[in-house]
């Protein structure tokens, strides 16, 4: 929650720290549907957004990656988004479907697989 104390050293945005907002956003990148949406909206074509994704690479550091719920898919998406061919290809329904199916396969606990 936002503190009424003016001595709070962490700036708050609607009650959340910048880190909390960036953590929430970067975790959304593990969702192929969200990546597809960003591509459809042409957000992945904007240089400022690509620079922001570069800034978010700090989540690769174990000091920060420990906060990710699904570090593997999240960090892989962050890495792939650095590549222009991937940003264009995520619009392709077959890639979107492939990523969705693979994500679901990986979400099934090992003891529940065939």
N, C-alpha and C. Protein backbone atom coordinates (compact mmCIF):
# COMPACT_ATOMS: atom_id res chain seq x y z
N UNK A 1 0.83 -1.19 0.00
CA UNK A 1 0.00 0.00 0.00
C UNK A 1 0.87 1.25 0.00
N UNK A 2 0.32 2.30 -0.50
CA UNK A 2 1.05 3.57 -0.51
C UNK A 2 1.15 4.10 0.91
N UNK A 3 2.29 4.62 1.21
CA UNK A 3 2.52 5.17 2.53
C UNK A 3 2.21 6.66 2.52
N UNK A 4 1.57 7.14 3.59
CA UNK A 4 1.33 8.57 3.73
C UNK A 4 2.57 9.28 4.23
N UNK A 5 3.56 8.49 4.65
CA UNK A 5 4.80 9.04 5.19
C UNK A 5 5.65 9.60 4.06
N UNK A 6 5.93 10.89 4.10
CA UNK A 6 6.71 11.55 3.06
C UNK A 6 8.15 11.05 3.04
N UNK A 7 8.60 10.36 4.08
CA UNK A 7 9.97 9.87 4.12
C UNK A 7 10.13 8.51 3.44
N UNK A 8 9.05 7.95 2.89
CA UNK A 8 9.12 6.68 2.17
C UNK A 8 10.06 6.85 0.98
N UNK A 9 11.19 6.11 0.95
CA UNK A 9 12.18 6.30 -0.12
C UNK A 9 11.78 5.69 -1.47
N UNK A 10 10.77 4.83 -1.49
CA UNK A 10 10.36 4.17 -2.73
C UNK A 10 9.16 4.90 -3.33
N UNK A 11 9.33 5.47 -4.53
CA UNK A 11 8.19 6.12 -5.17
C UNK A 11 7.07 5.10 -5.43
N UNK A 12 5.86 5.53 -5.30
CA UNK A 12 4.70 4.65 -5.49
C UNK A 12 3.86 5.16 -6.65
N UNK A 13 3.31 4.21 -7.39
CA UNK A 13 2.42 4.50 -8.51
C UNK A 13 1.14 3.73 -8.24
N UNK A 14 0.10 4.41 -7.86
CA UNK A 14 -1.16 3.78 -7.47
C UNK A 14 -0.93 2.72 -6.38
N UNK A 15 0.01 3.00 -5.51
CA UNK A 15 0.27 2.11 -4.39
C UNK A 15 1.32 1.05 -4.63
N UNK A 16 1.86 0.97 -5.84
CA UNK A 16 2.84 -0.05 -6.18
C UNK A 16 4.19 0.60 -6.49
N UNK A 17 5.25 -0.13 -6.18
CA UNK A 17 6.58 0.36 -6.54
C UNK A 17 6.80 0.11 -8.03
N UNK A 18 7.77 0.79 -8.58
CA UNK A 18 8.11 0.58 -10.00
C UNK A 18 8.50 -0.87 -10.23
N UNK A 19 9.26 -1.44 -9.30
CA UNK A 19 9.66 -2.85 -9.44
C UNK A 19 8.44 -3.76 -9.51
N UNK A 20 7.47 -3.54 -8.64
CA UNK A 20 6.27 -4.38 -8.65
C UNK A 20 5.53 -4.29 -9.98
N UNK A 21 5.45 -3.08 -10.53
CA UNK A 21 4.78 -2.90 -11.83
C UNK A 21 5.57 -3.58 -12.95
N UNK A 22 6.88 -3.45 -12.92
CA UNK A 22 7.71 -4.09 -13.95
C UNK A 22 7.67 -5.60 -13.81
N UNK A 23 7.64 -6.10 -12.59
CA UNK A 23 7.54 -7.54 -12.36
C UNK A 23 6.23 -8.08 -12.94
N UNK A 24 5.14 -7.40 -12.66
CA UNK A 24 3.83 -7.82 -13.19
C UNK A 24 3.84 -7.82 -14.71
N UNK A 25 4.39 -6.76 -15.29
CA UNK A 25 4.42 -6.67 -16.75
C UNK A 25 5.29 -7.76 -17.36
N UNK A 26 6.49 -7.93 -16.85
CA UNK A 26 7.41 -8.89 -17.47
C UNK A 26 6.86 -10.31 -17.38
N UNK A 27 6.11 -10.61 -16.33
CA UNK A 27 5.50 -11.94 -16.22
C UNK A 27 4.40 -12.14 -17.26
N UNK A 28 3.77 -11.08 -17.69
CA UNK A 28 2.76 -11.18 -18.75
C UNK A 28 3.38 -11.63 -20.08
N UNK A 29 4.67 -11.38 -20.24
CA UNK A 29 5.34 -11.73 -21.50
C UNK A 29 5.44 -13.24 -21.70
N UNK A 30 5.22 -14.03 -20.67
CA UNK A 30 5.24 -15.48 -20.80
C UNK A 30 3.96 -16.00 -21.47
N UNK A 31 2.98 -15.13 -21.68
CA UNK A 31 1.71 -15.51 -22.27
C UNK A 31 1.74 -15.24 -23.78
N UNK A 32 1.72 -16.30 -24.61
CA UNK A 32 1.76 -16.09 -26.06
C UNK A 32 0.61 -15.23 -26.58
N UNK A 33 -0.56 -15.32 -25.96
CA UNK A 33 -1.69 -14.51 -26.39
C UNK A 33 -1.40 -13.02 -26.17
N UNK A 34 -0.72 -12.71 -25.10
CA UNK A 34 -0.37 -11.32 -24.83
C UNK A 34 0.68 -10.83 -25.84
N UNK A 35 1.65 -11.67 -26.15
CA UNK A 35 2.65 -11.31 -27.15
C UNK A 35 2.00 -11.07 -28.51
N UNK A 36 1.06 -11.93 -28.85
CA UNK A 36 0.33 -11.79 -30.11
C UNK A 36 -0.46 -10.47 -30.11
N UNK A 37 -1.08 -10.16 -29.00
CA UNK A 37 -1.84 -8.91 -28.88
C UNK A 37 -0.92 -7.70 -29.06
N UNK A 38 0.24 -7.72 -28.40
CA UNK A 38 1.19 -6.61 -28.54
C UNK A 38 1.61 -6.44 -30.00
N UNK A 39 1.81 -7.56 -30.69
CA UNK A 39 2.20 -7.49 -32.10
C UNK A 39 1.05 -6.94 -32.95
N UNK A 40 -0.17 -7.39 -32.69
CA UNK A 40 -1.33 -6.90 -33.45
C UNK A 40 -1.51 -5.40 -33.28
N UNK A 41 -1.23 -4.90 -32.10
CA UNK A 41 -1.39 -3.47 -31.81
C UNK A 41 -0.19 -2.65 -32.29
N UNK A 42 0.79 -3.32 -32.91
CA UNK A 42 2.00 -2.68 -33.43
C UNK A 42 2.90 -2.11 -32.33
N UNK A 43 2.70 -2.55 -31.12
CA UNK A 43 3.53 -2.09 -30.00
C UNK A 43 4.95 -2.64 -30.14
N UNK A 44 5.06 -3.85 -30.67
CA UNK A 44 6.38 -4.46 -30.84
C UNK A 44 7.19 -3.81 -31.95
N UNK A 45 6.58 -2.90 -32.68
CA UNK A 45 7.29 -2.17 -33.75
C UNK A 45 7.89 -0.85 -33.25
N UNK A 46 7.56 -0.47 -32.04
CA UNK A 46 7.98 0.84 -31.53
C UNK A 46 9.36 0.77 -30.89
N UNK A 47 10.30 1.58 -31.38
CA UNK A 47 11.66 1.57 -30.82
C UNK A 47 11.71 1.83 -29.31
N UNK A 48 10.86 2.71 -28.81
CA UNK A 48 10.85 2.97 -27.37
C UNK A 48 10.47 1.73 -26.57
N UNK A 49 9.52 0.95 -27.11
CA UNK A 49 9.11 -0.27 -26.43
C UNK A 49 10.24 -1.30 -26.47
N UNK A 50 10.92 -1.41 -27.59
CA UNK A 50 12.04 -2.35 -27.72
C UNK A 50 13.14 -1.96 -26.73
N UNK A 51 13.39 -0.66 -26.59
CA UNK A 51 14.37 -0.20 -25.60
C UNK A 51 13.93 -0.57 -24.19
N UNK A 52 12.64 -0.46 -23.92
CA UNK A 52 12.12 -0.83 -22.59
C UNK A 52 12.33 -2.32 -22.34
N UNK A 53 12.10 -3.14 -23.35
CA UNK A 53 12.35 -4.57 -23.20
C UNK A 53 13.83 -4.84 -22.91
N UNK A 54 14.70 -4.06 -23.53
CA UNK A 54 16.12 -4.17 -23.24
C UNK A 54 16.42 -3.82 -21.80
N UNK A 55 15.79 -2.78 -21.31
CA UNK A 55 15.95 -2.38 -19.91
C UNK A 55 15.50 -3.50 -18.97
N UNK A 56 14.43 -4.19 -19.32
CA UNK A 56 13.89 -5.25 -18.47
C UNK A 56 14.77 -6.49 -18.40
N UNK A 57 15.84 -6.51 -19.16
CA UNK A 57 16.77 -7.65 -19.12
C UNK A 57 17.35 -7.83 -17.72
N UNK A 58 17.23 -6.83 -16.87
CA UNK A 58 17.75 -6.98 -15.51
C UNK A 58 17.08 -8.14 -14.77
N UNK A 59 15.93 -8.58 -15.26
CA UNK A 59 15.25 -9.71 -14.62
C UNK A 59 16.01 -11.02 -14.80
N UNK A 60 17.00 -11.06 -15.67
CA UNK A 60 17.83 -12.26 -15.83
C UNK A 60 18.75 -12.47 -14.63
N UNK A 61 19.03 -11.41 -13.93
CA UNK A 61 19.88 -11.48 -12.74
C UNK A 61 19.14 -12.27 -11.66
N UNK A 62 19.78 -13.30 -11.08
CA UNK A 62 19.11 -14.10 -10.04
C UNK A 62 18.54 -13.27 -8.89
N UNK A 63 19.14 -12.11 -8.64
CA UNK A 63 18.64 -11.23 -7.59
C UNK A 63 17.20 -10.81 -7.87
N UNK A 64 16.83 -10.75 -9.16
CA UNK A 64 15.48 -10.34 -9.55
C UNK A 64 14.64 -11.51 -10.08
N UNK A 65 15.28 -12.46 -10.76
CA UNK A 65 14.52 -13.57 -11.35
C UNK A 65 13.86 -14.44 -10.28
N UNK A 66 14.37 -14.38 -9.06
CA UNK A 66 13.76 -15.18 -7.99
C UNK A 66 12.32 -14.75 -7.69
N UNK A 67 11.94 -13.58 -8.14
CA UNK A 67 10.58 -13.09 -7.91
C UNK A 67 9.60 -13.54 -9.00
N UNK A 68 10.10 -14.10 -10.09
CA UNK A 68 9.24 -14.52 -11.20
C UNK A 68 8.53 -15.82 -10.84
N UNK A 69 7.24 -15.91 -11.14
CA UNK A 69 6.48 -17.14 -10.89
C UNK A 69 6.87 -18.24 -11.87
N UNK A 70 7.11 -17.88 -13.11
CA UNK A 70 7.49 -18.83 -14.15
C UNK A 70 8.73 -18.28 -14.85
N UNK A 71 9.89 -18.40 -14.22
CA UNK A 71 11.09 -17.75 -14.77
C UNK A 71 11.49 -18.26 -16.15
N UNK A 72 11.36 -19.56 -16.40
CA UNK A 72 11.77 -20.10 -17.70
C UNK A 72 11.06 -19.43 -18.87
N UNK A 73 9.73 -19.56 -18.94
CA UNK A 73 9.01 -18.95 -20.06
C UNK A 73 9.10 -17.43 -20.08
N UNK A 74 9.15 -16.81 -18.92
CA UNK A 74 9.21 -15.35 -18.86
C UNK A 74 10.53 -14.84 -19.43
N UNK A 75 11.63 -15.42 -18.98
CA UNK A 75 12.94 -14.97 -19.45
C UNK A 75 13.17 -15.35 -20.91
N UNK A 76 12.63 -16.48 -21.34
CA UNK A 76 12.76 -16.88 -22.75
C UNK A 76 12.02 -15.89 -23.64
N UNK A 77 10.81 -15.50 -23.25
CA UNK A 77 10.05 -14.51 -24.04
C UNK A 77 10.79 -13.18 -24.07
N UNK A 78 11.34 -12.78 -22.95
CA UNK A 78 12.10 -11.52 -22.90
C UNK A 78 13.29 -11.58 -23.84
N UNK A 79 13.92 -12.74 -23.91
CA UNK A 79 15.06 -12.93 -24.82
C UNK A 79 14.60 -12.92 -26.28
N UNK A 80 13.53 -13.65 -26.58
CA UNK A 80 13.03 -13.72 -27.96
C UNK A 80 12.57 -12.36 -28.47
N UNK A 81 12.01 -11.57 -27.59
CA UNK A 81 11.51 -10.25 -28.01
C UNK A 81 12.63 -9.29 -28.39
N UNK A 82 13.86 -9.64 -28.11
CA UNK A 82 15.00 -8.83 -28.53
C UNK A 82 15.30 -9.06 -30.02
N UNK A 83 14.69 -10.09 -30.59
CA UNK A 83 14.95 -10.46 -31.99
C UNK A 83 13.81 -9.98 -32.89
N UNK A 84 14.14 -9.16 -33.87
CA UNK A 84 13.12 -8.61 -34.78
C UNK A 84 12.34 -9.71 -35.50
N UNK A 85 13.00 -10.78 -35.99
CA UNK A 85 12.20 -11.82 -36.67
C UNK A 85 11.13 -12.44 -35.77
N UNK A 86 11.44 -12.63 -34.49
CA UNK A 86 10.43 -13.18 -33.59
C UNK A 86 9.28 -12.20 -33.40
N UNK A 87 9.60 -10.93 -33.25
CA UNK A 87 8.54 -9.92 -33.06
C UNK A 87 7.58 -9.90 -34.24
N UNK A 88 8.08 -10.16 -35.43
CA UNK A 88 7.22 -10.21 -36.61
C UNK A 88 6.47 -11.54 -36.68
N UNK A 89 7.15 -12.62 -36.34
CA UNK A 89 6.59 -13.97 -36.50
C UNK A 89 5.51 -14.30 -35.47
N UNK A 90 5.50 -13.59 -34.34
CA UNK A 90 4.49 -13.90 -33.32
C UNK A 90 3.07 -13.63 -33.83
N UNK A 91 2.95 -12.89 -34.91
CA UNK A 91 1.64 -12.69 -35.53
C UNK A 91 1.16 -13.94 -36.26
N UNK A 92 2.08 -14.83 -36.59
CA UNK A 92 1.75 -16.06 -37.31
C UNK A 92 0.97 -17.00 -36.38
N UNK A 93 -0.26 -17.37 -36.77
CA UNK A 93 -1.07 -18.24 -35.92
C UNK A 93 -0.39 -19.57 -35.59
N UNK A 94 0.41 -20.10 -36.49
CA UNK A 94 1.04 -21.40 -36.19
C UNK A 94 2.08 -21.26 -35.07
N UNK A 95 2.82 -20.15 -35.04
CA UNK A 95 3.78 -19.94 -33.95
C UNK A 95 3.04 -19.70 -32.64
N UNK A 96 2.01 -18.90 -32.70
CA UNK A 96 1.20 -18.62 -31.51
C UNK A 96 0.63 -19.94 -30.95
N UNK A 97 0.07 -20.77 -31.83
CA UNK A 97 -0.49 -22.05 -31.39
C UNK A 97 0.59 -22.97 -30.83
N UNK A 98 1.74 -23.03 -31.49
CA UNK A 98 2.84 -23.86 -31.03
C UNK A 98 3.28 -23.44 -29.62
N UNK A 99 3.46 -22.14 -29.42
CA UNK A 99 3.89 -21.65 -28.11
C UNK A 99 2.85 -21.94 -27.04
N UNK A 100 1.59 -21.83 -27.39
CA UNK A 100 0.52 -22.11 -26.44
C UNK A 100 0.51 -23.58 -26.05
N UNK A 101 0.60 -24.47 -27.03
CA UNK A 101 0.60 -25.91 -26.76
C UNK A 101 1.82 -26.31 -25.93
N UNK A 102 3.00 -25.80 -26.31
CA UNK A 102 4.21 -26.13 -25.55
C UNK A 102 4.11 -25.62 -24.12
N UNK A 103 3.56 -24.45 -23.95
CA UNK A 103 3.39 -23.91 -22.61
C UNK A 103 2.46 -24.76 -21.77
N UNK A 104 1.39 -25.25 -22.38
CA UNK A 104 0.47 -26.12 -21.65
C UNK A 104 1.13 -27.45 -21.31
N UNK A 105 1.91 -28.00 -22.23
CA UNK A 105 2.62 -29.26 -21.96
C UNK A 105 3.55 -29.08 -20.76
N UNK A 106 4.24 -27.97 -20.72
CA UNK A 106 5.20 -27.73 -19.65
C UNK A 106 4.50 -27.40 -18.32
N UNK A 107 3.24 -27.04 -18.38
CA UNK A 107 2.51 -26.71 -17.17
C UNK A 107 1.98 -27.95 -16.46
N UNK A 108 1.94 -29.06 -17.18
CA UNK A 108 1.44 -30.30 -16.58
C UNK A 108 2.54 -30.90 -15.71
N UNK A 109 2.24 -31.20 -14.44
CA UNK A 109 3.26 -31.81 -13.58
C UNK A 109 3.78 -33.13 -14.17
N UNK A 110 5.04 -33.41 -13.97
CA UNK A 110 5.69 -34.59 -14.55
C UNK A 110 4.96 -35.88 -14.16
N UNK A 111 4.44 -35.96 -12.94
CA UNK A 111 3.76 -37.18 -12.50
C UNK A 111 2.39 -37.34 -13.14
N UNK A 112 1.88 -36.34 -13.83
CA UNK A 112 0.57 -36.41 -14.48
C UNK A 112 0.66 -36.65 -15.98
N UNK A 113 1.88 -36.62 -16.53
CA UNK A 113 2.07 -36.84 -17.97
C UNK A 113 1.95 -38.32 -18.27
N UNK A 114 1.50 -38.63 -19.50
CA UNK A 114 1.30 -40.01 -19.97
C UNK A 114 1.97 -40.97 -19.05
